[in-house]
PDB file of N, CA and C in Angstrom:
ATOM      1  N   MET A   1      77.444 134.276  74.036  1.00  0.00           N
ATOM      2  CA  MET A   1      78.834 133.513  74.704  1.00  0.00           C
ATOM      3  C   MET A   1      78.509 132.476  75.637  1.00  0.00           C
ATOM      4  N   LYS A   2      77.729 132.763  76.759  1.00  0.00           N
ATOM      5  CA  LYS A   2      77.294 131.962  77.901  1.00  0.00           C
ATOM      6  C   LYS A   2      76.843 130.610  77.371  1.00  0.00           C
ATOM      7  N   LEU A   3      76.045 130.839  76.456  1.00  0.00           N
ATOM      8  CA  LEU A   3      75.276 129.338  75.963  1.00  0.00           C
ATOM      9  C   LEU A   3      76.662 128.512  75.124  1.00  0.00           C
ATOM     10  N   VAL A   4      77.313 129.141  74.601  1.00  0.00           N
ATOM     11  CA  VAL A   4      78.534 128.400  73.846  1.00  0.00           C
ATOM     12  C   VAL A   4      79.554 127.693  74.864  1.00  0.00           C
ATOM     13  N   LEU A   5      79.860 128.419  76.049  1.00  0.00           N
ATOM     14  CA  LEU A   5      80.579 127.828  77.269  1.00  0.00           C
ATOM     15  C   LEU A   5      79.703 126.744  77.914  1.00  0.00           C
ATOM     16  N   ILE A   6      78.446 126.928  78.046  1.00  0.00           N
ATOM     17  CA  ILE A   6      77.512 125.841  78.492  1.00  0.00           C
ATOM     18  C   ILE A   6      77.658 124.515  77.621  1.00  0.00           C
ATOM     19  N   ALA A   7      77.586 124.814  76.515  1.00  0.00           N
ATOM     20  CA  ALA A   7      77.512 123.838  75.288  1.00  0.00           C
ATOM     21  C   ALA A   7      78.697 122.989  75.494  1.00  0.00           C
ATOM     22  N   VAL A   8      79.895 123.691  75.530  1.00  0.00           N
ATOM     23  CA  VAL A   8      81.092 123.232  75.534  1.00  0.00           C
ATOM     24  C   VAL A   8      81.429 122.331  77.017  1.00  0.00           C
ATOM     25  N   ALA A   9      81.168 122.724  78.101  1.00  0.00           N
ATOM     26  CA  ALA A   9      81.155 122.227  79.053  1.00  0.00           C
ATOM     27  C   ALA A   9      80.356 120.995  79.159  1.00  0.00           C
ATOM     28  N   ILE A  10      79.049 121.046  78.708  1.00  0.00           N
ATOM     29  CA  ILE A  10      78.176 119.822  78.418  1.00  0.00           C
ATOM     30  C   ILE A  10      78.897 118.585  77.709  1.00  0.00           C
ATOM     31  N   SER A  11      79.339 119.004  76.564  1.00  0.00           N
ATOM     32  CA  SER A  11      79.949 118.040  75.838  1.00  0.00           C
ATOM     33  C   SER A  11      81.296 117.407  76.261  1.00  0.00           C
ATOM     34  N   LEU A  12      81.892 118.120  77.089  1.00  0.00           N
ATOM     35  CA  LEU A  12      83.315 117.530  77.699  1.00  0.00           C
ATOM     36  C   LEU A  12      82.817 116.724  78.876  1.00  0.00           C
ATOM     37  N   CYS A  13      81.690 116.905  79.494  1.00  0.00           N
ATOM     38  CA  CYS A  13      81.134 115.951  80.488  1.00  0.00           C
ATOM     39  C   CYS A  13      80.512 114.677  79.769  1.00  0.00           C
ATOM     40  N   CYS A  14      79.962 114.936  78.700  1.00  0.00           N
ATOM     41  CA  CYS A  14      79.533 113.680  77.885  1.00  0.00           C
ATOM     42  C   CYS A  14      80.632 112.862  77.326  1.00  0.00           C
ATOM     43  N   VAL A  15      81.758 113.385  76.841  1.00  0.00           N
ATOM     44  CA  VAL A  15      82.928 112.698  76.362  1.00  0.00           C
ATOM     45  C   VAL A  15      83.717 112.002  77.542  1.00  0.00           C
ATOM     46  N   GLN A  16      83.631 112.648  78.666  1.00  0.00           N
ATOM     47  CA  GLN A  16      84.355 111.953  79.918  1.00  0.00           C
ATOM     48  C   GLN A  16      83.603 110.861  80.374  1.00  0.00           C
ATOM     49  N   ALA A  17      82.058 111.002  80.335  1.00  0.00           N
ATOM     50  CA  ALA A  17      81.407 110.020  80.763  1.00  0.00           C
ATOM     51  C   ALA A  17      81.441 108.766  79.856  1.00  0.00           C
ATOM     52  N   GLN A  18      81.933 108.852  78.720  1.00  0.00           N
ATOM     53  CA  GLN A  18      82.049 107.568  77.913  1.00  0.00           C
ATOM     54  C   GLN A  18      83.203 106.825  78.099  1.00  0.00           C
ATOM     55  N   LEU A  19      84.302 107.235  78.979  1.00  0.00           N
ATOM     56  CA  LEU A  19      85.312 106.608  79.267  1.00  0.00           C
ATOM     57  C   LEU A  19      85.213 106.049  80.790  1.00  0.00           C
ATOM     58  N   TYR A  20      86.121 104.786  80.723  1.00  0.00           N
ATOM     59  CA  TYR A  20      86.117 104.223  81.925  1.00  0.00           C
ATOM     60  C   TYR A  20      86.763 104.945  83.141  1.00  0.00           C
ATOM     61  N   SER A  21      86.530 104.771  84.458  1.00  0.00           N
ATOM     62  CA  SER A  21      86.960 105.462  85.506  1.00  0.00           C
ATOM     63  C   SER A  21      88.459 105.166  85.419  1.00  0.00           C
ATOM     64  N   THR A  22      89.219 106.123  85.811  1.00  0.00           N
ATOM     65  CA  THR A  22      90.738 106.061  85.756  1.00  0.00           C
ATOM     66  C   THR A  22      91.261 105.730  87.413  1.00  0.00           C
ATOM     67  N   LYS A  23      90.403 105.646  88.073  1.00  0.00           N
ATOM     68  CA  LYS A  23      90.769 105.518  89.554  1.00  0.00           C
ATOM     69  C   LYS A  23      91.664 104.338  89.932  1.00  0.00           C
ATOM     70  N   TYR A  24      91.719 103.279  89.126  1.00  0.00           N
ATOM     71  CA  TYR A  24      92.406 102.159  89.409  1.00  0.00           C
ATOM     72  C   TYR A  24      93.669 102.043  88.523  1.00  0.00           C
ATOM     73  N   ASP A  25      93.741 103.102  87.751  1.00  0.00           N
ATOM     74  CA  ASP A  25      94.967 102.970  86.866  1.00  0.00           C
ATOM     75  C   ASP A  25      96.158 102.899  87.604  1.00  0.00           C
ATOM     76  N   ASN A  26      96.403 103.176  88.772  1.00  0.00           N
ATOM     77  CA  ASN A  26      97.744 103.131  89.362  1.00  0.00           C
ATOM     78  C   ASN A  26      97.996 101.903  90.252  1.00  0.00           C
ATOM     79  N   ILE A  27      97.034 101.025  89.740  1.00  0.00           N
ATOM     80  CA  ILE A  27      97.368  99.656  90.557  1.00  0.00           C
ATOM     81  C   ILE A  27      98.571  99.094  90.234  1.00  0.00           C
ATOM     82  N   ASN A  28      99.370  98.452  91.024  1.00  0.00           N
ATOM     83  CA  ASN A  28     100.616  97.987  90.499  1.00  0.00           C
ATOM     84  C   ASN A  28     100.294  96.454  90.054  1.00  0.00           C
ATOM     85  N   LEU A  29     100.158  96.478  88.906  1.00  0.00           N
ATOM     86  CA  LEU A  29      99.747  94.879  88.082  1.00  0.00           C
ATOM     87  C   LEU A  29     100.718  94.093  88.468  1.00  0.00           C
ATOM     88  N   ASP A  30     102.209  94.453  88.198  1.00  0.00           N
ATOM     89  CA  ASP A  30     103.117  93.505  88.614  1.00  0.00           C
ATOM     90  C   ASP A  30     103.103  92.765  89.860  1.00  0.00           C
ATOM     91  N   GLU A  31     102.617  93.554  90.794  1.00  0.00           N
ATOM     92  CA  GLU A  31     102.530  92.843  92.275  1.00  0.00           C
ATOM     93  C   GLU A  31     101.480  92.182  92.254  1.00  0.00           C
ATOM     94  N   VAL A  32     100.296  92.219  91.521  1.00  0.00           N
ATOM     95  CA  VAL A  32      99.182  91.494  91.534  1.00  0.00           C
ATOM     96  C   VAL A  32      99.329  90.340  90.908  1.00  0.00           C
ATOM     97  N   LEU A  33     100.116  90.384  89.730  1.00  0.00           N
ATOM     98  CA  LEU A  33     100.404  89.157  89.042  1.00  0.00           C
ATOM     99  C   LEU A  33     101.392  88.193  89.564  1.00  0.00           C
ATOM    100  N   ARG A  34     102.533  88.664  90.523  1.00  0.00           N
ATOM    101  CA  ARG A  34     103.361  87.958  91.208  1.00  0.00           C
ATOM    102  C   ARG A  34     102.743  87.212  92.534  1.00  0.00           C
ATOM    103  N   ASN A  35     101.630  87.971  93.167  1.00  0.00           N
ATOM    104  CA  ASN A  35     100.901  87.538  94.283  1.00  0.00           C
ATOM    105  C   ASN A  35      99.869  86.627  94.093  1.00  0.00           C
ATOM    106  N   ARG A  36     100.104  85.278  94.161  1.00  0.00           N
ATOM    107  CA  ARG A  36      99.338  84.275  93.838  1.00  0.00           C
ATOM    108  C   ARG A  36      97.876  84.440  94.726  1.00  0.00           C
ATOM    109  N   ARG A  37      97.987  84.996  95.852  1.00  0.00           N
ATOM    110  CA  ARG A  37      96.720  85.115  96.488  1.00  0.00           C
ATOM    111  C   ARG A  37      95.793  86.149  95.862  1.00  0.00           C
ATOM    112  N   LEU A  38      96.450  87.372  95.632  1.00  0.00           N
ATOM    113  CA  LEU A  38      95.766  88.357  94.920  1.00  0.00           C
ATOM    114  C   LEU A  38      95.238  88.077  93.636  1.00  0.00           C
ATOM    115  N   LEU A  39      96.140  87.397  92.845  1.00  0.00           N
ATOM    116  CA  LEU A  39      95.577  86.997  91.439  1.00  0.00           C
ATOM    117  C   LEU A  39      94.494  86.013  91.533  1.00  0.00           C
ATOM    118  N   ASN A  40      94.522  84.918  92.524  1.00  0.00           N
ATOM    119  CA  ASN A  40      93.454  84.166  92.700  1.00  0.00           C
ATOM    120  C   ASN A  40      92.132  84.695  93.086  1.00  0.00           C
ATOM    121  N   GLY A  41      92.163  85.511  93.929  1.00  0.00           N
ATOM    122  CA  GLY A  41      91.158  86.451  94.442  1.00  0.00           C
ATOM    123  C   GLY A  41      90.410  87.293  93.228  1.00  0.00           C
ATOM    124  N   TYR A  42      91.061  87.966  92.448  1.00  0.00           N
ATOM    125  CA  TYR A  42      90.619  88.599  91.242  1.00  0.00           C
ATOM    126  C   TYR A  42      89.933  87.669  90.296  1.00  0.00           C
ATOM    127  N   MET A  43      90.659  86.670  90.058  1.00  0.00           N
ATOM    128  CA  MET A  43      90.338  85.562  89.139  1.00  0.00           C
ATOM    129  C   MET A  43      89.030  84.922  89.425  1.00  0.00           C
ATOM    130  N   LYS A  44      88.893  84.449  90.807  1.00  0.00           N
ATOM    131  CA  LYS A  44      87.601  84.069  91.231  1.00  0.00           C
ATOM    132  C   LYS A  44      86.481  84.890  91.192  1.00  0.00           C
ATOM    133  N   CYS A  45      86.829  86.227  91.493  1.00  0.00           N
ATOM    134  CA  CYS A  45      85.890  86.997  91.339  1.00  0.00           C
ATOM    135  C   CYS A  45      85.283  87.360  89.867  1.00  0.00           C
ATOM    136  N   THR A  46      86.244  87.674  89.069  1.00  0.00           N
ATOM    137  CA  THR A  46      85.732  87.730  87.590  1.00  0.00           C
ATOM    138  C   THR A  46      85.122  86.546  87.042  1.00  0.00           C
ATOM    139  N   LEU A  47      85.509  85.415  87.410  1.00  0.00           N
ATOM    140  CA  LEU A  47      84.800  84.210  87.040  1.00  0.00           C
ATOM    141  C   LEU A  47      83.587  83.546  87.900  1.00  0.00           C
ATOM    142  N   ASP A  48      83.061  84.513  88.552  1.00  0.00           N
ATOM    143  CA  ASP A  48      81.853  84.204  89.572  1.00  0.00           C
ATOM    144  C   ASP A  48      82.198  82.978  90.419  1.00  0.00           C
ATOM    145  N   GLN A  49      83.477  82.704  90.727  1.00  0.00           N
ATOM    146  CA  GLN A  49      83.613  81.594  91.486  1.00  0.00           C
ATOM    147  C   GLN A  49      83.969  82.109  93.169  1.00  0.00           C
ATOM    148  N   GLY A  50      83.861  83.220  93.467  1.00  0.00           N
ATOM    149  CA  GLY A  50      84.364  83.691  94.697  1.00  0.00           C
ATOM    150  C   GLY A  50      83.939  85.181  94.906  1.00  0.00           C
ATOM    151  N   PRO A  51      84.041  85.594  96.111  1.00  0.00           N
ATOM    152  CA  PRO A  51      83.528  87.002  96.388  1.00  0.00           C
ATOM    153  C   PRO A  51      84.333  88.157  95.599  1.00  0.00           C
ATOM    154  N   CYS A  52      83.851  89.255  95.515  1.00  0.00           N
ATOM    155  CA  CYS A  52      84.396  90.332  94.876  1.00  0.00           C
ATOM    156  C   CYS A  52      84.543  91.523  95.752  1.00  0.00           C
ATOM    157  N   THR A  53      85.699  92.272  95.669  1.00  0.00           N
ATOM    158  CA  THR A  53      86.091  93.641  96.187  1.00  0.00           C
ATOM    159  C   THR A  53      85.376  94.531  95.343  1.00  0.00           C
ATOM    160  N   ALA A  54      85.282  95.697  95.608  1.00  0.00           N
ATOM    161  CA  ALA A  54      84.706  96.699  94.661  1.00  0.00           C
ATOM    162  C   ALA A  54      85.329  96.965  93.469  1.00  0.00           C
ATOM    163  N   GLU A  55      86.771  96.747  93.615  1.00  0.00           N
ATOM    164  CA  GLU A  55      87.517  96.713  92.218  1.00  0.00           C
ATOM    165  C   GLU A  55      87.117  95.762  91.421  1.00  0.00           C
ATOM    166  N   GLY A  56      86.972  94.526  92.017  1.00  0.00           N
ATOM    167  CA  GLY A  56      86.703  93.305  91.248  1.00  0.00           C
ATOM    168  C   GLY A  56      85.207  93.416  90.502  1.00  0.00           C
ATOM    169  N   LYS A  57      84.297  93.959  91.255  1.00  0.00           N
ATOM    170  CA  LYS A  57      83.006  94.238  90.607  1.00  0.00           C
ATOM    171  C   LYS A  57      83.053  95.117  89.176  1.00  0.00           C
ATOM    172  N   GLU A  58      84.020  96.287  89.531  1.00  0.00           N
ATOM    173  CA  GLU A  58      84.181  97.131  88.313  1.00  0.00           C
ATOM    174  C   GLU A  58      84.744  96.321  87.274  1.00  0.00           C
ATOM    175  N   LEU A  59      85.734  95.650  87.609  1.00  0.00           N
ATOM    176  CA  LEU A  59      86.764  94.897  86.707  1.00  0.00           C
ATOM    177  C   LEU A  59      85.654  93.952  85.809  1.00  0.00           C
ATOM    178  N   LYS A  60      84.934  93.128  86.335  1.00  0.00           N
ATOM    179  CA  LYS A  60      83.969  92.186  85.690  1.00  0.00           C
ATOM    180  C   LYS A  60      83.178  93.113  84.613  1.00  0.00           C
ATOM    181  N   TYR A  61      82.693  94.287  84.939  1.00  0.00           N
ATOM    182  CA  TYR A  61      81.927  95.096  83.939  1.00  0.00           C
ATOM    183  C   TYR A  61      82.916  95.543  82.913  1.00  0.00           C
ATOM    184  N   TYR A  62      84.087  95.922  83.214  1.00  0.00           N
ATOM    185  CA  TYR A  62      84.988  96.401  82.091  1.00  0.00           C
ATOM    186  C   TYR A  62      85.288  95.376  81.069  1.00  0.00           C
ATOM    187  N   ILE A  63      85.596  94.236  81.669  1.00  0.00           N
ATOM    188  CA  ILE A  63      86.020  93.124  80.820  1.00  0.00           C
ATOM    189  C   ILE A  63      84.909  92.971  79.832  1.00  0.00           C
ATOM    190  N   SER A  64      83.646  92.659  80.224  1.00  0.00           N
ATOM    191  CA  SER A  64      82.625  92.294  79.320  1.00  0.00           C
ATOM    192  C   SER A  64      82.333  93.522  78.342  1.00  0.00           C
ATOM    193  N   ASP A  65      82.379  94.704  78.635  1.00  0.00           N
ATOM    194  CA  ASP A  65      82.238  95.815  77.951  1.00  0.00           C
ATOM    195  C   ASP A  65      83.315  96.255  76.984  1.00  0.00           C
ATOM    196  N   GLY A  66      84.431  96.111  77.517  1.00  0.00           N
ATOM    197  CA  GLY A  66      85.752  96.135  76.933  1.00  0.00           C
ATOM    198  C   GLY A  66      85.826  95.191  75.764  1.00  0.00           C
ATOM    199  N   LEU A  67      85.721  94.120  75.997  1.00  0.00           N
ATOM    200  CA  LEU A  67      85.714  93.033  74.816  1.00  0.00           C
ATOM    201  C   LEU A  67      84.973  93.482  73.598  1.00  0.00           C
ATOM    202  N   LYS A  68      83.774  93.756  74.010  1.00  0.00           N
ATOM    203  CA  LYS A  68      82.725  94.069  72.809  1.00  0.00           C
ATOM    204  C   LYS A  68      83.093  95.356  72.256  1.00  0.00           C
ATOM    205  N   THR A  69      83.532  96.326  72.939  1.00  0.00           N
ATOM    206  CA  THR A  69      84.006  97.735  72.128  1.00  0.00           C
ATOM    207  C   THR A  69      85.355  97.762  71.751  1.00  0.00           C
ATOM    208  N   GLY A  70      86.236  96.819  72.056  1.00  0.00           N
ATOM    209  CA  GLY A  70      87.567  97.043  71.544  1.00  0.00           C
ATOM    210  C   GLY A  70      88.263  97.832  72.475  1.00  0.00           C
ATOM    211  N   CYS A  71      87.855  98.175  73.648  1.00  0.00           N
ATOM    212  CA  CYS A  71      88.421  98.978  74.641  1.00  0.00           C
ATOM    213  C   CYS A  71      88.449 100.329  74.349  1.00  0.00           C
ATOM    214  N   ALA A  72      87.132 100.598  73.521  1.00  0.00           N
ATOM    215  CA  ALA A  72      87.186 102.372  73.123  1.00  0.00           C
ATOM    216  C   ALA A  72      87.100 103.134  74.170  1.00  0.00           C
ATOM    217  N   LYS A  73      86.695 102.702  75.432  1.00  0.00           N
ATOM    218  CA  LYS A  73      86.490 103.534  76.612  1.00  0.00           C
ATOM    219  C   LYS A  73      87.663 103.403  77.533  1.00  0.00           C
ATOM    220  N   CYS A  74      88.702 102.789  76.944  1.00  0.00           N
ATOM    221  CA  CYS A  74      89.715 102.577  78.002  1.00  0.00           C
ATOM    222  C   CYS A  74      90.839 103.677  77.715  1.00  0.00           C
ATOM    223  N   SER A  75      91.619 103.961  78.696  1.00  0.00           N
ATOM    224  CA  SER A  75      92.588 105.149  78.799  1.00  0.00           C
ATOM    225  C   SER A  75      93.999 104.232  78.359  1.00  0.00           C
ATOM    226  N   ASP A  76      94.951 104.912  77.885  1.00  0.00           N
ATOM    227  CA  ASP A  76      96.348 104.369  77.644  1.00  0.00           C
ATOM    228  C   ASP A  76      96.795 103.424  78.594  1.00  0.00           C
ATOM    229  N   PRO A  77      96.575 103.804  79.875  1.00  0.00           N
ATOM    230  CA  PRO A  77      97.362 102.831  80.975  1.00  0.00           C
ATOM    231  C   PRO A  77      96.568 101.690  80.920  1.00  0.00           C
ATOM    232  N   GLN A  78      95.204 101.656  80.903  1.00  0.00           N
ATOM    233  CA  GLN A  78      94.258 100.563  80.928  1.00  0.00           C
ATOM    234  C   GLN A  78      94.422  99.701  79.831  1.00  0.00           C
ATOM    235  N   ARG A  79      94.865 100.205  78.663  1.00  0.00           N
ATOM    236  CA  ARG A  79      95.011  99.374  77.394  1.00  0.00           C
ATOM    237  C   ARG A  79      96.424  98.804  77.789  1.00  0.00           C
ATOM    238  N   LYS A  80      97.414  99.283  78.209  1.00  0.00           N
ATOM    239  CA  LYS A  80      98.658  98.601  78.393  1.00  0.00           C
ATOM    240  C   LYS A  80      98.538  97.652  79.525  1.00  0.00           C
ATOM    241  N   GLY A  81      97.807  98.020  80.761  1.00  0.00           N
ATOM    242  CA  GLY A  81      97.543  97.043  81.641  1.00  0.00           C
ATOM    243  C   GLY A  81      96.791  95.722  81.109  1.00  0.00           C
ATOM    244  N   ILE A  82      95.790  96.033  80.323  1.00  0.00           N
ATOM    245  CA  ILE A  82      95.264  94.759  79.869  1.00  0.00           C
ATOM    246  C   ILE A  82      95.987  93.994  79.065  1.00  0.00           C
ATOM    247  N   LYS A  83      96.883  94.314  78.326  1.00  0.00           N
ATOM    248  CA  LYS A  83      97.744  93.652  77.437  1.00  0.00           C
ATOM    249  C   LYS A  83      98.888  92.984  78.309  1.00  0.00           C
ATOM    250  N   LYS A  84      99.305  93.640  79.492  1.00  0.00           N
ATOM    251  CA  LYS A  84     100.075  92.906  80.423  1.00  0.00           C
ATOM    252  C   LYS A  84      99.544  91.670  81.069  1.00  0.00           C
ATOM    253  N   VAL A  85      98.115  92.041  81.510  1.00  0.00           N
ATOM    254  CA  VAL A  85      97.456  90.938  82.190  1.00  0.00           C
ATOM    255  C   VAL A  85      97.266  89.702  81.248  1.00  0.00           C
ATOM    256  N   MET A  86      96.709  90.031  80.147  1.00  0.00           N
ATOM    257  CA  MET A  86      96.317  89.047  79.099  1.00  0.00           C
ATOM    258  C   MET A  86      97.688  88.083  78.649  1.00  0.00           C
ATOM    259  N   ASN A  87      98.652  88.873  78.516  1.00  0.00           N
ATOM    260  CA  ASN A  87     100.045  88.105  78.154  1.00  0.00           C
ATOM    261  C   ASN A  87     100.543  87.195  79.407  1.00  0.00           C
ATOM    262  N   HIS A  88     100.233  87.696  80.632  1.00  0.00           N
ATOM    263  CA  HIS A  88     100.493  86.907  81.596  1.00  0.00           C
ATOM    264  C   HIS A  88      99.882  85.701  81.828  1.00  0.00           C
ATOM    265  N   LEU A  89      98.180  85.902  81.674  1.00  0.00           N
ATOM    266  CA  LEU A  89      97.478  84.789  81.569  1.00  0.00           C
ATOM    267  C   LEU A  89      97.967  83.805  80.805  1.00  0.00           C
ATOM    268  N   ILE A  90      97.896  84.297  79.566  1.00  0.00           N
ATOM    269  CA  ILE A  90      98.153  83.276  78.404  1.00  0.00           C
ATOM    270  C   ILE A  90      99.421  82.476  78.552  1.00  0.00           C
ATOM    271  N   LYS A  91     100.645  83.027  78.987  1.00  0.00           N
ATOM    272  CA  LYS A  91     101.895  82.583  79.027  1.00  0.00           C
ATOM    273  C   LYS A  91     101.957  81.599  80.421  1.00  0.00           C
ATOM    274  N   HIS A  92     101.350  82.253  81.419  1.00  0.00           N
ATOM    275  CA  HIS A  92     101.663  81.568  82.931  1.00  0.00           C
ATOM    276  C   HIS A  92     100.584  80.962  83.568  1.00  0.00           C
ATOM    277  N   GLU A  93      99.232  81.166  83.211  1.00  0.00           N
ATOM    278  CA  GLU A  93      98.063  80.817  83.758  1.00  0.00           C
ATOM    279  C   GLU A  93      96.989  80.524  82.775  1.00  0.00           C
ATOM    280  N   PRO A  94      97.148  79.549  81.895  1.00  0.00           N
ATOM    281  CA  PRO A  94      96.588  79.066  80.963  1.00  0.00           C
ATOM    282  C   PRO A  94      95.154  78.494  81.191  1.00  0.00           C
ATOM    283  N   ARG A  95      95.030  77.982  82.471  1.00  0.00           N
ATOM    284  CA  ARG A  95      93.780  77.473  82.954  1.00  0.00           C
ATOM    285  C   ARG A  95      92.849  78.536  83.340  1.00  0.00           C
ATOM    286  N   PHE A  96      93.402  79.752  83.941  1.00  0.00           N
ATOM    287  CA  PHE A  96      92.468  80.972  84.099  1.00  0.00           C
ATOM    288  C   PHE A  96      92.267  81.657  82.792  1.00  0.00           C
ATOM    289  N   TRP A  97      93.271  81.609  81.938  1.00  0.00           N
ATOM    290  CA  TRP A  97      92.913  82.486  80.623  1.00  0.00           C
ATOM    291  C   TRP A  97      91.637  81.610  79.845  1.00  0.00           C
ATOM    292  N   GLN A  98      91.705  80.469  79.803  1.00  0.00           N
ATOM    293  CA  GLN A  98      90.652  79.562  79.207  1.00  0.00           C
ATOM    294  C   GLN A  98      89.424  79.700  79.838  1.00  0.00           C
ATOM    295  N   GLN A  99      89.453  79.813  81.267  1.00  0.00           N
ATOM    296  CA  GLN A  99      88.043  79.977  81.943  1.00  0.00           C
ATOM    297  C   GLN A  99      87.392  81.484  81.626  1.00  0.00           C
ATOM    298  N   ALA A 100      88.521  82.383  81.636  1.00  0.00           N
ATOM    299  CA  ALA A 100      88.035  83.646  81.230  1.00  0.00           C
ATOM    300  C   ALA A 100      87.188  83.866  79.935  1.00  0.00           C
ATOM    301  N   VAL A 101      88.167  83.302  78.898  1.00  0.00           N
ATOM    302  CA  VAL A 101      87.696  83.161  77.388  1.00  0.00           C
ATOM    303  C   VAL A 101      86.204  82.333  77.388  1.00  0.00           C
ATOM    304  N   ASP A 102      85.932  81.181  78.200  1.00  0.00           N
ATOM    305  CA  ASP A 102      84.939  80.622  77.966  1.00  0.00           C
ATOM    306  C   ASP A 102      83.706  81.585  78.713  1.00  0.00           C
ATOM    307  N   LYS A 103      84.174  82.261  79.677  1.00  0.00           N
ATOM    308  CA  LYS A 103      83.015  83.224  80.401  1.00  0.00           C
ATOM    309  C   LYS A 103      82.828  84.330  79.489  1.00  0.00           C
ATOM    310  N   TYR A 104      83.827  85.151  78.998  1.00  0.00           N
ATOM    311  CA  TYR A 104      83.297  86.389  78.338  1.00  0.00           C
ATOM    312  C   TYR A 104      83.370  86.236  77.039  1.00  0.00           C
ATOM    313  N   ASP A 105      83.967  85.267  76.437  1.00  0.00           N
ATOM    314  CA  ASP A 105      83.908  85.257  74.897  1.00  0.00           C
ATOM    315  C   ASP A 105      83.662  83.880  74.298  1.00  0.00           C
ATOM    316  N   PRO A 106      82.407  83.078  74.838  1.00  0.00           N
ATOM    317  CA  PRO A 106      82.273  81.748  74.448  1.00  0.00           C
ATOM    318  C   PRO A 106      82.130  81.589  73.071  1.00  0.00           C
ATOM    319  N   GLN A 107      81.906  82.491  72.219  1.00  0.00           N
ATOM    320  CA  GLN A 107      81.828  82.221  70.555  1.00  0.00           C
ATOM    321  C   GLN A 107      83.192  82.649  70.047  1.00  0.00           C
ATOM    322  N   ARG A 108      84.220  82.875  70.924  1.00  0.00           N
ATOM    323  CA  ARG A 108      85.572  83.294  70.327  1.00  0.00           C
ATOM    324  C   ARG A 108      85.472  84.520  69.272  1.00  0.00           C
ATOM    325  N   GLN A 109      84.613  85.461  69.632  1.00  0.00           N
ATOM    326  CA  GLN A 109      84.447  86.487  68.603  1.00  0.00           C
ATOM    327  C   GLN A 109      85.598  87.563  68.748  1.00  0.00           C
ATOM    328  N   TYR A 110      86.216  87.522  69.673  1.00  0.00           N
ATOM    329  CA  TYR A 110      87.114  88.636  70.295  1.00  0.00           C
ATOM    330  C   TYR A 110      88.417  88.120  70.730  1.00  0.00           C
ATOM    331  N   THR A 111      88.433  86.964  71.144  1.00  0.00           N
ATOM    332  CA  THR A 111      89.479  86.338  71.753  1.00  0.00           C
ATOM    333  C   THR A 111      90.800  86.346  70.885  1.00  0.00           C
ATOM    334  N   LYS A 112      90.501  85.821  69.722  1.00  0.00           N
ATOM    335  CA  LYS A 112      91.521  85.607  68.661  1.00  0.00           C
ATOM    336  C   LYS A 112      92.323  86.807  68.588  1.00  0.00           C
ATOM    337  N   MET A 113      91.612  87.957  68.054  1.00  0.00           N
ATOM    338  CA  MET A 113      92.374  89.063  67.805  1.00  0.00           C
ATOM    339  C   MET A 113      93.151  89.682  69.053  1.00  0.00           C
ATOM    340  N   TYR A 114      92.677  89.482  70.070  1.00  0.00           N
ATOM    341  CA  TYR A 114      93.363  90.084  71.350  1.00  0.00           C
ATOM    342  C   TYR A 114      94.704  89.122  71.467  1.00  0.00           C
ATOM    343  N   GLU A 115      94.483  87.676  71.345  1.00  0.00           N
ATOM    344  CA  GLU A 115      95.590  86.786  71.576  1.00  0.00           C
ATOM    345  C   GLU A 115      96.555  87.168  70.466  1.00  0.00           C
ATOM    346  N   LYS A 116      96.367  87.428  69.173  1.00  0.00           N
ATOM    347  CA  LYS A 116      97.278  87.858  68.329  1.00  0.00           C
ATOM    348  C   LYS A 116      97.868  89.177  68.602  1.00  0.00           C
ATOM    349  N   GLU A 117      97.247  90.122  69.270  1.00  0.00           N
ATOM    350  CA  GLU A 117      97.816  91.440  69.654  1.00  0.00           C
ATOM    351  C   GLU A 117      98.728  91.323  70.657  1.00  0.00           C
ATOM    352  N   VAL A 118      98.327  90.549  71.634  1.00  0.00           N
ATOM    353  CA  VAL A 118      99.337  90.321  72.875  1.00  0.00           C
ATOM    354  C   VAL A 118     100.614  89.405  72.252  1.00  0.00           C
ATOM    355  N   SER A 119     100.419  88.378  71.449  1.00  0.00           N
ATOM    356  CA  SER A 119     101.503  87.737  71.033  1.00  0.00           C
ATOM    357  C   SER A 119     102.518  88.623  70.449  1.00  0.00           C
ATOM    358  N   ASN A 120     102.104  89.552  69.736  1.00  0.00           N
ATOM    359  CA  ASN A 120     103.118  90.764  69.072  1.00  0.00           C
ATOM    360  C   ASN A 120     103.598  91.619  69.958  1.00  0.00           C
ATOM    361  N   TRP A 121     103.249  91.518  71.268  1.00  0.00           N
ATOM    362  CA  TRP A 121     103.591  92.689  72.176  1.00  0.00           C
ATOM    363  C   TRP A 121     104.910  92.411  72.872  1.00  0.00           C
TER     364      TRP A 121
END
């Protein structure tokens, strides 16, 4: 019986380790998107054009990995947040959007799928 409980605990830890951290899920994205200084800072970080905060460094990893995996490791709030940010960048910050696409998806393997999904949102 103890062996079964240990196996279940290990399995749960492994499943949890496969998901992105949720520690930033409560960031107010609307505030970031409305605040030009904050948005510029995050965008410059993710585009390797400026310094990064701890959050920015993690964000860069999540962007790259998330594109390749279809956000398989994302929580529901993360998926909603990604759609919100992409929608904002596509509609209001096309220069940033184009730079991000050029950096993270230069062959346009994933971008068209995400742009289509966001346009239906």
